[in-house]
Amino acid sequence: VQLQASGGGLVQAGGSLRLSCVASGDTLDYYTVGWFRQAPGKEREGVSCINTDGSRTAYAHSVKGRFTISRDNAKNTMYLEMNSLKPEDTAVYSCAAAKTGIAVDTVAVYMHPSPYRSWGRGTQVTVSS
């Protein structure tokens, strides 16, 4: 599956952005998907993930309560709604997909990059103070 992320931009602290990731080449129904981010000089960090039917989600502690991951399998698209943005959220955000086939009950492992084989080109999010 190929992934294309969009929706990044420049926003003031406290603002909101909605990232989208459109899949092509396969149906997203079979994939557990996640969002990762990487700030300059820092390691890539798992932000959030969601299983195939949306019944299980996970969030990084730093974004819990502010970010919401969702998916619309009919549109082959996943989303990341980001609210109450902080300057420390500034990073390049990338979406990723792992073909799990079924709706996995435990998604913690998908907060790490290793299970993913498909990655979208990142979109820059910049939060000004």
Protein backbone atom coordinates (compact mmCIF):
# COMPACT_ATOMS: atom_id res chain seq x y z
CA VAL A 1 0.00 0.00 0.00
CA GLN A 2 1.17 3.53 -0.75
CA LEU A 3 0.46 6.34 1.69
CA GLN A 4 0.18 10.09 1.19
CA ALA A 5 0.02 12.37 4.21
CA SER A 6 -1.24 15.95 4.11
CA GLY A 7 -2.63 18.66 6.34
CA GLY A 8 0.47 20.01 8.01
CA GLY A 9 1.20 23.68 8.33
CA LEU A 10 2.09 26.56 10.60
CA VAL A 11 -0.18 27.20 13.57
CA GLN A 12 0.01 29.18 16.77
CA ALA A 13 0.22 27.45 20.12
CA GLY A 14 -3.23 26.41 21.23
CA GLY A 15 -4.40 25.95 17.68
CA SER A 16 -5.53 22.85 15.81
CA LEU A 17 -4.64 20.90 12.72
CA ARG A 18 -6.05 17.80 11.08
CA LEU A 19 -3.70 15.48 9.28
CA SER A 20 -4.93 13.06 6.66
CA CYS A 21 -3.28 10.00 5.16
CA VAL A 22 -4.76 8.51 2.01
CA ALA A 23 -3.90 4.96 1.03
CA SER A 24 -3.73 3.56 -2.49
CA GLY A 25 -2.79 0.26 -4.02
CA ASP A 26 -4.62 -1.83 -1.44
CA THR A 27 -7.57 -1.52 0.90
CA LEU A 28 -6.74 0.02 4.26
CA ASP A 29 -9.21 -2.40 5.94
CA TYR A 30 -6.41 -4.95 6.36
CA TYR A 31 -3.92 -2.57 7.98
CA THR A 32 -3.20 -1.37 11.46
CA VAL A 33 -2.07 2.22 10.97
CA GLY A 34 -0.13 4.76 12.94
CA TRP A 35 1.28 8.26 13.03
CA PHE A 36 4.89 9.02 13.87
CA ARG A 37 6.78 12.27 14.18
CA GLN A 38 10.38 13.34 14.10
CA ALA A 39 11.70 16.67 15.27
CA PRO A 40 15.16 17.96 14.26
CA GLY A 41 17.87 16.24 16.25
CA LYS A 42 15.43 13.79 17.84
CA GLU A 43 14.49 10.18 17.24
CA ARG A 44 11.28 9.23 15.50
CA GLU A 45 8.46 8.96 18.01
CA GLY A 46 5.23 7.01 17.85
CA VAL A 47 2.31 9.42 18.24
CA SER A 48 -0.75 7.22 17.87
CA CYS A 49 -2.02 4.06 16.26
CA ILE A 50 -5.36 2.39 15.55
CA ASN A 51 -6.31 -1.17 14.63
CA THR A 52 -8.16 -2.24 11.51
CA ASP A 53 -11.71 -1.69 12.75
CA GLY A 54 -10.96 1.27 15.00
CA SER A 55 -11.75 -0.58 18.21
CA ARG A 56 -8.29 -0.15 19.71
CA THR A 57 -6.16 2.98 19.83
CA ALA A 58 -2.99 4.04 21.57
CA TYR A 59 -1.40 7.43 22.17
CA ALA A 60 1.93 8.76 23.30
CA HIS A 61 1.68 10.18 26.79
CA SER A 62 2.68 13.61 25.48
CA VAL A 63 -0.37 13.86 23.19
CA LYS A 64 -3.03 11.96 25.12
CA GLY A 65 -6.14 14.06 25.56
CA ARG A 66 -5.11 16.47 22.81
CA PHE A 67 -4.79 14.27 19.71
CA THR A 68 -7.36 11.88 18.27
CA ILE A 69 -6.67 9.21 15.68
CA SER A 70 -9.43 7.91 13.45
CA ARG A 71 -9.95 6.11 10.18
CA ASP A 72 -12.53 5.90 7.44
CA ASN A 73 -11.98 2.59 5.68
CA ALA A 74 -14.59 3.44 3.06
CA LYS A 75 -12.38 6.37 2.03
CA ASN A 76 -9.12 4.45 2.55
CA THR A 77 -8.04 7.30 4.79
CA MET A 78 -6.76 7.78 8.32
CA TYR A 79 -6.71 11.01 10.29
CA LEU A 80 -4.97 12.68 13.19
CA GLU A 81 -6.90 15.50 14.82
CA MET A 82 -4.48 17.66 16.79
CA ASN A 83 -5.82 20.17 19.30
CA SER A 84 -4.19 22.43 21.89
CA LEU A 85 -0.97 22.29 19.92
CA LYS A 86 2.27 23.15 21.66
CA PRO A 87 5.63 24.27 20.25
CA GLU A 88 7.05 20.90 21.26
CA ASP A 89 4.64 19.24 18.80
CA THR A 90 6.68 20.76 15.97
CA ALA A 91 7.94 17.91 13.80
CA VAL A 92 7.55 16.10 10.51
CA TYR A 93 4.56 13.78 10.86
CA SER A 94 4.41 10.53 8.89
CA CYS A 95 1.76 7.88 8.55
CA ALA A 96 2.52 4.17 8.42
CA ALA A 97 0.64 0.94 7.78
CA ALA A 98 1.17 -2.65 8.90
CA LYS A 99 -0.82 -5.42 7.20
CA THR A 100 -2.27 -7.30 10.16
CA GLY A 101 -5.39 -8.60 8.40
CA ILE A 102 -7.42 -8.84 11.57
CA ALA A 103 -8.37 -6.31 14.23
CA VAL A 104 -5.61 -6.83 16.76
CA ASP A 105 -6.61 -6.43 20.41
CA THR A 106 -3.25 -5.17 21.60
CA VAL A 107 -1.84 -2.20 19.71
CA ALA A 108 1.02 -1.14 21.99
CA VAL A 109 3.61 -2.73 19.70
CA TYR A 110 2.33 -0.55 16.85
CA MET A 111 3.55 2.54 18.66
CA HIS A 112 6.98 1.44 17.50
CA PRO A 113 8.19 1.67 13.88
CA SER A 114 9.41 -1.92 13.51
CA PRO A 115 6.07 -3.60 12.53
CA TYR A 116 5.42 -1.15 9.71
CA ARG A 117 6.39 -1.84 6.10
CA SER A 118 4.58 1.04 4.40
CA TRP A 119 5.42 4.66 5.12
CA GLY A 120 4.07 7.88 3.71
CA ARG A 121 6.12 10.96 3.02
CA GLY A 122 5.91 13.26 6.00
CA THR A 123 4.06 16.52 6.41
CA GLN A 124 5.59 19.37 8.40
CA VAL A 125 3.78 20.68 11.46
CA THR A 126 5.17 23.85 12.98
CA VAL A 127 3.70 25.34 16.14
CA SER A 128 4.76 28.85 17.03
CA SER A 129 4.78 30.16 20.58
